[in-house]
Every structure is written in structure tokens, then in C-alpha cells.
Amino acid sequence: MAAMQVPRSMRILLLLLLSPLLRLACASPPPEPVACTRGTSDCTVTNVYGSFPDRTICRAANVTFPRTEQELVAAVAAAAAAKRKVKVATRHSHSFPKLACPGGRDGTIISTEKLNRAVSIDTQRRLLTVESGMLLRDLIRVAGDAGLSLPHSPYWYGITIGGLLATGAHGSSLWGKGSAVHEYVVGLRIVTPAPASQGFAVVRELGADHPDLDAAKVSLGVLGVISQVTLALQPLFKRSVKFVTRDDSDMAEKLAVWGGLHEFGDVAWLPRQGKAIYREDDRVDVSSPGNGLNNYIGFRSQPTLGLITARIAEERLEENGTDIARCLAARLPAATFELQAYGFTNDGVFFTGYPVVGFQHRIQASGSCINSPEDGLLSSCTWDPRIRGPFFYNSGFSIALSKVPAFVADMQRLRDLKPRAFCAMDAKMGVLMRYVKASSAYLGKAEDSLDFDVTYYRSYTEGAPRAHADVFDELEQMALRKYGAVPHWGKNRNFAFDGAIAKYPKAGEFLKVKDRYDPDGIFSSEWSDQVLGIRGSPNIVEKGCAIEGLCVCSDDSHCAPEQGYFCQPGKVYTEARVCAFDGSRLADEM
């Protein structure tokens, strides 16, 4: 009888969310981010999700695919000689913002897709040099085969070493040098514009002691094109992983110390369920028994038909469902992931119990949906833009560790005021919290921090309000404005970057290097100038801009008053301005 009370659309969604139980043998890999109508001319460039935050189409005159550093130098020289804007595109282009868009129709795209090889490996000195287009997947495999480990990395291995350095990508750790990959860079070669007397392009070699390395290892791609990266590795080690779910009553206090207790520890918060999933993840001796594998469920291939049908059900819940129905649907993903140990297995096939012990290169990252040959799009990565499947926003921001308990307490107060509004977070596996250590990089974290990562529903229809979007927006504004959070360079909607550069004490030093390396701004764009505070603002202030996250509302027109969404103060952080639904006011105005 109870099952009959659940809406049909929700039952479909629940059924399809079980699709990770299916182990697919193959999947269509993601599409190329650059597409051209005439060979390598008249091109568009996008990200792996098929849409930038402002939904605009990015165009470029042409694209080049250098295979060697010499060809890379020639590509940069050609652009510099013509004073043509140029941007770098990576193999899968995972950044949400428009970092790869040169602006206008006359720009050039340089793809590092073919620059994907290991250059050298010195096992005695534990140094690995790779080309910048090498996928993280291949890098950690090469290291592992040589008996070495990259100490930390992001959890998704479908990104390139050049791309992850440009955006400061990281894992979770406060131990040693911390979780950011750029902390293990001891050298790189970068191709930058040059005067005509130097052939319009030069290769700059930056060693571990070079003063400009702190600018180049997190650069947003505005200094030039990284050709090669040298990383300091460690002897191959193993990790022991265990997930423990507890109630969130003492989460604020635990977060302050968890990063010190476990080298690779993180925490995922399911706010509506009042649960926190603690990852107990530590280094163990390489002789410890176990050959565990991380094949995270969210990064596996899925049946395309299932993804499309699940999105239809999700849209019905979003547009016509009740809070109760949405919350019931939101409970299944966490239960499914927990049942399957989040994709971890003890031997690469079966999960028999915690802890899962395995080599670093088999545990640190995953992304099997990119590994298989084309299957005609019968299956794909969840976010493949060629199908009308899941479509979402991804926000990421880091807060100084000393401020985390107060921020989390505020988040919980906001949750307690409107618990069902947080079911949308639970539906996307909650808020992932990862530890990041203070960095020497000019655009890295200025102090030890906790990164908050939130994924949530996005409509395919521009300007369409989301249910309880005010809660998400208040949370983000509270983090950025009240607690001084810095946004992740490769995630977030436009408004998160407004004024962000002022939060980096050494931003001025970075801009000095930028002016020396690229005085004509060949590698700069309207977007990068806005983000770096050089010219303009990333905010786009127009009708409906706050609905899309392009601005913070200051007027009702920035929301959707015709649909009952008006610009109002936040509930806990009253300085916030969010688009909240007000049915009585809508009735009055009608």
C-alpha cells in the first residue's frame, strides 16, 4: 500500500537510480570539446557538460593540435605574430567557467590533446616529467608501473595535468605538502609570446627554485601554454579506506580536527537526513594485504536510455512534485552508494568489507566511463551533453579552517529552518568537504582550508527557477561574503568570482608575472580579465540574472517575479539577497 502512494515519476526515478548496479562492458567516451565546420576552421569550444554558466556559445576561428613542443611553439608564434587571442583546450575540458574561450570569432584554440606522453621518469630521484595534455588516469598509471606514487590528486581522473594545474585542482589532505597537485610540481616548461626578434614565442623553463614557478603552477591559462610538467613523486604506497556514517550533531567540531586524524580523510554531509559520511583513509605499509580498487559509482558509464528517462522523471519532480516526493526520491542515491561501498572493491571485482586496502594508483582517482571504445552512445558518462540526461551546476568554495565550525553551524541553522529544501543536496550525494593546505602558489589557497563542493539541479530552460534555489544561493553568499571563502577556479557560476581576486594576498605578484610573460594579453580574455580584476566584472546584471547565478539580485526583475520569485533577504545570513518564492505576493501582483 505504501508504494502506491509514491508518484509514478518518482518511482521511475528511483528505479533508474539503481542503474549503477549494472556493470557495463563499454561506453561512449565524452565528445571532443572543440568542433569545427570546416576541418580545423570555424570552430566552437565548450566544456564537457556542453554549456557554460551564461549559456553562451564560444566561437573561435581555428584550432591546432600540436604533437610536439616544437609544433606548440609554432602555434603560439603564429597567434602572437597575428596578435590573435588564443586559449588552450584540454582533452575533456572539465572546467565550468569560460577558461577555454578566447572570445569573439577570431581567436585560436590550441588543444593539448596530442601532447599526452610521458617524457622521462627518474626512479632514483623519484621524478616524472610528462606533457601537459596527459590525462591524470595515465599519469598515475605510469607512476605506479614504475613503483612510484603521485601523493595526492583530484578524485576524477579524466582531467589533464595542465588543466588541473591551471585551476588548482586537489584531493583532500592537510598532511605533508597537502592535497593540491601543484604542490608537487618541481619544474615545468611553458611556451609564452615573445617579441619578433625572438620568433614571437619562447620556451621558458622553470625549475623548483625559479621565482615564477609560484605563478605558473596555478595560472588560469593566462601566462601561456604549459608544455611539460615535472612532478616529485613518492615510493609506491598503499591506502586503507573505510566509510563510516554518523549523525551530524557534532559535525562542526569534528570537521575542525578530522583532517589531522586521517591523511586522506574527507566528509560528505547529507543535510536533510542529518548524516555525515566520514572517510577514514590512511597510508599503510606497501606489504599490507589487499589489491583494492576505486571505481566510484558516479564516474561509471550508464545506459543512455536510463539517463534520459531519469532526467524526465527528475524534471517532473522539480516542476510539479511536492517536497515530500522530492525528499523520498533523494534518499535512494545515498542508500545505493552505501550499499555498493561507493564503488570500492577489495580485489577489483567484489566488495567483501572494510577496510579496502589497495595501491595508491588504484585508490586515489577513478573515471571508468572514459575508458571504453565507442558503443554508439548506448551508454555514456552521466553528464554527456549529446543526450538530454542529467544537467547540473557545480559550486566549490574553500573556507579557512579556523572559520569552518562557525560556517557549518550556520549551514545547519539554515537547514533546520527549512529541512525539506535541502533534499536537493541529498539527491546529489550531499556536500563533499575536502581539506586543502596553504600553498606557495600565488593563486593557491592562502591558508589551510576546507573545500565545500555542492552539485545541484540545473534546468535546460534558461531563466527557469529551481525549487528552493534561495537556500543554495544563501549558503553560497554566506560562504563567500560572511566567511571570506574563495571559489574554485574551475567551478561555480559567475557571481562567485565577483571580487574573488582581492582575497589572494599575492595576486599582485601574479599579475606582474602575467605582464612580463604576455604583455599584449594574447592569452587573456574578457572572462579572465574580469576574474582577475583587470577589467570589468564577471557579474551579468540583467533580467533573470540571479536565477541563472550570473548576479546577486538587487531588484525583483533579477529573479522571476512573474513566476512568484522575488529578491529577498536570506533567512540566516540576512545580508544575502536571494530569489525566493512568495505565493501571496504573486497573488497580490496578479
Foldseek 3Di string as FASTA:
>chain_A
DVVVVFDPLLVLLLVLLLQLVDADPAFAAFDFQWDAPPDFAFIWGDASLRAALVRDIAAEGGEDEDQAVVVQLVVQLVCLVVVAFEFEDARHHHFRHPLRGRDDHHHYYYYPCNQAAWDDADLVQQKTKGFQRHWQLVVQVVQVVSQWGQPAFPAARRHTNNVLQQQQGFAFAAPDQWTTSLSFWFKWWFKFADDVVVSRIDIDIDGNPRPCSLLNRHPSRQQGGITMTMGRIGGWWKKWKDKDKDFCPCVLVCLLCLNVQAGRWWWFDQQLVRMIIIIRMHIDGRPDDFAKAAAASLQAKGFQVSQQSSVVSVVCCFPPNDLVSLLVSLQSNVVSCVVQVRRMDGHNPHNDDGTRMHICSRYRYHRCQNPRHHDPRRIGRSSRNVGPGFRKAKWKWKFASVCRSVLVVLLSVLCVVPVSLSSQQSSVRHWIKHWGAADSRQPHHNGTIIMTMTMGGDDPDPLDATRSVQSVQVSLCCCCPVRVIATRSRHDHFANLFVRLVSRPNLVVSVVSSCVRHVSSSHPHPVNCQSSVNDDHQADDDFCRQRSPSHFDPFQRVHCVCQQWGWAADDRRRVGTHTDGDVVVSVVVD
